[in-house]
Amino acid sequence: MSEQGNIVNDIGEKLGFTPRILETLNELDSEFVKKYKHCHNKILTDGAIPAKYKILMALAVVASKQCEACTVSQMKSALKNGATKEEIMETLEVISITSGAPAVSACRDALKLLKD
């Protein structure tokens, strides 16, 4: 397997799923995947802030941008990385306070993942 293929697999393992967009980017421009890995590892790796909390921050950001597909991806990643329902619901409260109802609405499908 190529280095880029390994990168895609590694990110997929850390997230708990492989985003289709990452597979497509690898097919179109495999060098992009190398650059993407660096940014993605900053979120998915513990540092001064544990990865779980960085992912919850990312969830808040993508919700504020009203990207529904992004909120589903971040929710899956948060759950895979140990975020609890309570932590996710508190994050949703922050989203509501800072970004309002449209951002909360962008989480509709993502919140369904908490019912599983």
Protein backbone atom coordinates (compact mmCIF):
# COMPACT_ATOMS: atom_id res chain seq x y z
CA MET A 1 0.00 0.00 0.00
CA SER A 2 1.22 3.52 -0.76
CA GLU A 3 2.21 6.00 1.93
CA GLN A 4 -0.92 8.02 1.17
CA GLY A 5 -3.07 4.89 1.42
CA ASN A 6 -1.57 4.23 4.84
CA ILE A 7 -2.35 7.81 5.85
CA VAL A 8 -5.99 7.41 4.80
CA ASN A 9 -6.24 4.15 6.76
CA ASP A 10 -4.57 5.67 9.83
CA ILE A 11 -6.96 8.63 9.88
CA GLY A 12 -9.88 6.26 9.37
CA GLU A 13 -8.81 4.19 12.37
CA LYS A 14 -8.48 7.27 14.59
CA LEU A 15 -11.88 8.57 13.50
CA GLY A 16 -13.61 5.21 13.55
CA PHE A 17 -14.57 5.56 9.87
CA THR A 18 -12.93 6.81 6.68
CA PRO A 19 -14.49 9.97 5.26
CA ARG A 20 -15.31 9.51 1.58
CA ILE A 21 -13.91 12.93 0.80
CA LEU A 22 -10.51 11.75 2.02
CA GLU A 23 -10.63 8.73 -0.29
CA THR A 24 -11.58 11.01 -3.20
CA LEU A 25 -8.80 13.48 -2.39
CA ASN A 26 -6.32 10.60 -2.29
CA GLU A 27 -7.43 9.53 -5.78
CA LEU A 28 -7.25 13.06 -7.18
CA ASP A 29 -4.12 14.40 -5.45
CA SER A 30 -2.32 11.98 -3.18
CA GLU A 31 0.19 14.67 -2.15
CA PHE A 32 -2.68 16.64 -0.62
CA VAL A 33 -3.31 13.72 1.74
CA LYS A 34 0.20 14.10 3.19
CA LYS A 35 -0.50 17.78 3.99
CA TYR A 36 -3.93 16.94 5.38
CA LYS A 37 -2.41 14.37 7.74
CA HIS A 38 -0.36 17.01 9.53
CA CYS A 39 -3.43 19.16 10.27
CA HIS A 40 -5.62 16.22 11.14
CA ASN A 41 -3.06 14.75 13.56
CA LYS A 42 -3.10 18.01 15.52
CA ILE A 43 -6.76 17.34 16.33
CA LEU A 44 -6.57 13.58 16.81
CA THR A 45 -3.51 13.55 19.06
CA ASP A 46 -3.37 14.35 22.75
CA GLY A 47 -1.29 17.37 23.63
CA ALA A 48 -1.80 19.99 26.31
CA ILE A 49 -5.47 19.48 25.43
CA PRO A 50 -6.69 15.88 25.07
CA ALA A 51 -7.84 14.91 21.56
CA LYS A 52 -11.39 14.35 22.81
CA TYR A 53 -11.72 18.02 23.76
CA LYS A 54 -10.14 19.23 20.54
CA ILE A 55 -12.69 17.17 18.62
CA LEU A 56 -15.53 18.70 20.68
CA MET A 57 -14.13 22.13 19.76
CA ALA A 58 -14.11 21.08 16.12
CA LEU A 59 -17.73 19.98 16.50
CA ALA A 60 -18.63 23.44 17.77
CA VAL A 61 -16.80 25.12 14.90
CA VAL A 62 -18.36 23.05 12.12
CA ALA A 63 -21.79 23.46 13.70
CA SER A 64 -21.30 27.24 13.75
CA LYS A 65 -20.56 26.98 10.02
CA GLN A 66 -23.81 25.00 9.68
CA CYS A 67 -22.15 22.07 7.93
CA GLU A 68 -24.43 19.12 8.67
CA ALA A 69 -22.18 16.46 7.14
CA CYS A 70 -19.23 17.88 9.08
CA THR A 71 -21.13 17.69 12.37
CA VAL A 72 -21.88 14.02 11.75
CA SER A 73 -18.19 13.35 11.08
CA GLN A 74 -17.07 15.23 14.18
CA MET A 75 -19.73 13.51 16.30
CA LYS A 76 -18.52 10.09 15.16
CA SER A 77 -14.97 11.11 15.93
CA ALA A 78 -15.93 12.49 19.35
CA LEU A 79 -17.67 9.27 20.30
CA LYS A 80 -14.80 7.14 18.98
CA ASN A 81 -12.38 9.22 21.05
CA GLY A 82 -14.26 8.85 24.32
CA ALA A 83 -16.57 11.86 24.51
CA THR A 84 -19.57 11.16 26.71
CA LYS A 85 -23.16 12.07 25.97
CA GLU A 86 -22.97 14.64 28.77
CA GLU A 87 -19.86 16.27 27.27
CA ILE A 88 -21.47 16.38 23.86
CA MET A 89 -24.66 17.91 25.25
CA GLU A 90 -22.65 20.60 27.07
CA THR A 91 -20.87 21.30 23.80
CA LEU A 92 -24.29 21.67 22.19
CA GLU A 93 -25.17 24.23 24.88
CA VAL A 94 -22.07 26.23 23.95
CA ILE A 95 -23.00 25.97 20.28
CA SER A 96 -26.49 27.22 21.08
CA ILE A 97 -25.24 30.17 23.12
CA THR A 98 -22.52 31.24 20.70
CA SER A 99 -24.05 30.42 17.32
CA GLY A 100 -27.81 30.10 17.83
CA ALA A 101 -30.55 27.86 16.50
CA PRO A 102 -29.18 27.43 12.94
CA ALA A 103 -25.98 25.90 14.33
CA VAL A 104 -27.93 23.61 16.66
CA SER A 105 -30.09 22.59 13.71
CA ALA A 106 -26.95 21.59 11.81
CA CYS A 107 -26.39 18.97 14.53
CA ARG A 108 -29.74 17.25 13.99
CA ASP A 109 -28.38 14.17 12.22
CA ALA A 110 -25.25 14.08 14.37
CA LEU A 111 -27.35 13.94 17.54
CA LYS A 112 -29.08 10.81 16.27
CA LEU A 113 -25.77 9.02 16.83
CA LEU A 114 -26.26 9.45 20.59
CA LYS A 115 -29.36 7.24 20.47
CA ASP A 116 -27.38 4.18 19.32
